[in-house]
């Protein structure tokens, strides 16, 4: 089942693509991803998500986190070059 909070990281990333405030949007997406990590951990701890599903989901979330982290570093580097 897809809940609205599941899509918030995606919403932030799409908004970042079209926003002048890319860094703020990427940081919002990163925060939403951290919240999703917490909810996955809680679901696993409460046994609503089995270990295999938890490992699969957290692997995907970690990969997305690495991408967001790289994108966050990129605008900062561009801002430093402009000054």
C-alpha atoms as a PDB file:
ATOM      1  CA  UNK A   1       0.000   0.000   0.000  1.00  0.00           C
ATOM      2  CA  UNK A   2       1.276   3.463  -0.840  1.00  0.00           C
ATOM      3  CA  UNK A   3       0.719   6.186   1.733  1.00  0.00           C
ATOM      4  CA  UNK A   4       1.242   9.895   0.999  1.00  0.00           C
ATOM      5  CA  UNK A   5       4.370  10.019   3.212  1.00  0.00           C
ATOM      6  CA  UNK A   6       5.927   7.308   1.040  1.00  0.00           C
ATOM      7  CA  UNK A   7       6.025   9.735  -1.852  1.00  0.00           C
ATOM      8  CA  UNK A   8       7.417  12.771  -0.032  1.00  0.00           C
ATOM      9  CA  UNK A   9      11.077  12.013  -0.824  1.00  0.00           C
ATOM     10  CA  UNK A  10      10.116  11.664  -4.489  1.00  0.00           C
ATOM     11  CA  UNK A  11       8.082  14.860  -4.374  1.00  0.00           C
ATOM     12  CA  UNK A  12      11.050  16.796  -2.965  1.00  0.00           C
ATOM     13  CA  UNK A  13      13.434  15.435  -5.587  1.00  0.00           C
ATOM     14  CA  UNK A  14      11.114  16.274  -8.472  1.00  0.00           C
ATOM     15  CA  UNK A  15      10.576  19.757  -7.034  1.00  0.00           C
ATOM     16  CA  UNK A  16      14.360  20.215  -6.767  1.00  0.00           C
ATOM     17  CA  UNK A  17      14.711  19.567 -10.480  1.00  0.00           C
ATOM     18  CA  UNK A  18      12.480  22.539 -11.257  1.00  0.00           C
ATOM     19  CA  UNK A  19      13.302  24.859  -8.363  1.00  0.00           C
ATOM     20  CA  UNK A  20      15.792  27.670  -8.028  1.00  0.00           C
ATOM     21  CA  UNK A  21      16.265  26.574  -4.421  1.00  0.00           C
ATOM     22  CA  UNK A  22      17.619  23.143  -5.305  1.00  0.00           C
ATOM     23  CA  UNK A  23      19.714  22.732  -2.174  1.00  0.00           C
ATOM     24  CA  UNK A  24      16.770  23.361   0.181  1.00  0.00           C
ATOM     25  CA  UNK A  25      14.590  20.901  -1.752  1.00  0.00           C
ATOM     26  CA  UNK A  26      17.317  18.249  -1.751  1.00  0.00           C
ATOM     27  CA  UNK A  27      17.774  18.671   1.992  1.00  0.00           C
ATOM     28  CA  UNK A  28      14.000  18.269   2.463  1.00  0.00           C
ATOM     29  CA  UNK A  29      14.156  15.098   0.406  1.00  0.00           C
ATOM     30  CA  UNK A  30      17.048  13.835   2.502  1.00  0.00           C
ATOM     31  CA  UNK A  31      15.108  14.503   5.713  1.00  0.00           C
ATOM     32  CA  UNK A  32      12.070  12.675   4.317  1.00  0.00           C
ATOM     33  CA  UNK A  33      14.318   9.746   3.442  1.00  0.00           C
ATOM     34  CA  UNK A  34      15.587   9.638   7.032  1.00  0.00           C
ATOM     35  CA  UNK A  35      11.990   9.541   8.228  1.00  0.00           C
ATOM     36  CA  UNK A  36      11.299   6.677   5.837  1.00  0.00           C
ATOM     37  CA  UNK A  37      14.348   4.824   7.208  1.00  0.00           C
ATOM     38  CA  UNK A  38      12.949   5.221  10.712  1.00  0.00           C
ATOM     39  CA  UNK A  39       9.531   3.939   9.655  1.00  0.00           C
ATOM     40  CA  UNK A  40      11.102   0.929   7.941  1.00  0.00           C
ATOM     41  CA  UNK A  41      13.099   0.139  11.081  1.00  0.00           C
ATOM     42  CA  UNK A  42       9.981   0.490  13.214  1.00  0.00           C
ATOM     43  CA  UNK A  43       7.990  -1.741  10.859  1.00  0.00           C
ATOM     44  CA  UNK A  44      10.686  -4.395  11.088  1.00  0.00           C
ATOM     45  CA  UNK A  45      10.943  -4.119  14.874  1.00  0.00           C
ATOM     46  CA  UNK A  46       7.173  -4.503  15.202  1.00  0.00           C
ATOM     47  CA  UNK A  47       7.314  -7.489  12.813  1.00  0.00           C
ATOM     48  CA  UNK A  48       5.143  -5.875  10.170  1.00  0.00           C
ATOM     49  CA  UNK A  49       8.022  -6.250   7.702  1.00  0.00           C
ATOM     50  CA  UNK A  50      10.088  -9.427   7.498  1.00  0.00           C
ATOM     51  CA  UNK A  51      13.872  -9.324   7.510  1.00  0.00           C
ATOM     52  CA  UNK A  52      14.207 -10.008   3.794  1.00  0.00           C
ATOM     53  CA  UNK A  53      11.827  -7.160   2.931  1.00  0.00           C
ATOM     54  CA  UNK A  54      13.545  -4.850   5.398  1.00  0.00           C
ATOM     55  CA  UNK A  55      16.990  -5.562   3.941  1.00  0.00           C
ATOM     56  CA  UNK A  56      15.728  -5.042   0.403  1.00  0.00           C
ATOM     57  CA  UNK A  57      13.940  -1.780   1.227  1.00  0.00           C
ATOM     58  CA  UNK A  58      16.809  -0.338   3.261  1.00  0.00           C
ATOM     59  CA  UNK A  59      19.239  -1.204   0.473  1.00  0.00           C
ATOM     60  CA  UNK A  60      17.178   0.846  -1.959  1.00  0.00           C
ATOM     61  CA  UNK A  61      16.767   3.700   0.521  1.00  0.00           C
ATOM     62  CA  UNK A  62      20.530   3.715   1.167  1.00  0.00           C
ATOM     63  CA  UNK A  63      21.216   3.913  -2.570  1.00  0.00           C
ATOM     64  CA  UNK A  64      18.816   6.829  -2.941  1.00  0.00           C
ATOM     65  CA  UNK A  65      20.475   8.485   0.062  1.00  0.00           C
ATOM     66  CA  UNK A  66      23.886   8.244  -1.596  1.00  0.00           C
ATOM     67  CA  UNK A  67      22.461   9.855  -4.736  1.00  0.00           C
ATOM     68  CA  UNK A  68      20.870  12.694  -2.763  1.00  0.00           C
ATOM     69  CA  UNK A  69      24.107  13.193  -0.817  1.00  0.00           C
ATOM     70  CA  UNK A  70      26.028  13.547  -4.071  1.00  0.00           C
ATOM     71  CA  UNK A  71      23.494  16.007  -5.450  1.00  0.00           C
ATOM     72  CA  UNK A  72      23.646  18.055  -2.240  1.00  0.00           C
ATOM     73  CA  UNK A  73      27.437  18.291  -2.502  1.00  0.00           C
ATOM     74  CA  UNK A  74      27.277  19.328  -6.161  1.00  0.00           C
ATOM     75  CA  UNK A  75      25.333  22.625  -5.687  1.00  0.00           C
ATOM     76  CA  UNK A  76      27.503  23.534  -2.692  1.00  0.00           C
ATOM     77  CA  UNK A  77      30.574  23.185  -4.886  1.00  0.00           C
ATOM     78  CA  UNK A  78      28.968  25.341  -7.567  1.00  0.00           C
ATOM     79  CA  UNK A  79      28.046  28.017  -5.007  1.00  0.00           C
ATOM     80  CA  UNK A  80      31.624  28.132  -3.716  1.00  0.00           C
ATOM     81  CA  UNK A  81      32.991  28.585  -7.263  1.00  0.00           C
ATOM     82  CA  UNK A  82      30.607  31.474  -7.962  1.00  0.00           C
ATOM     83  CA  UNK A  83      31.879  33.582  -5.013  1.00  0.00           C
END
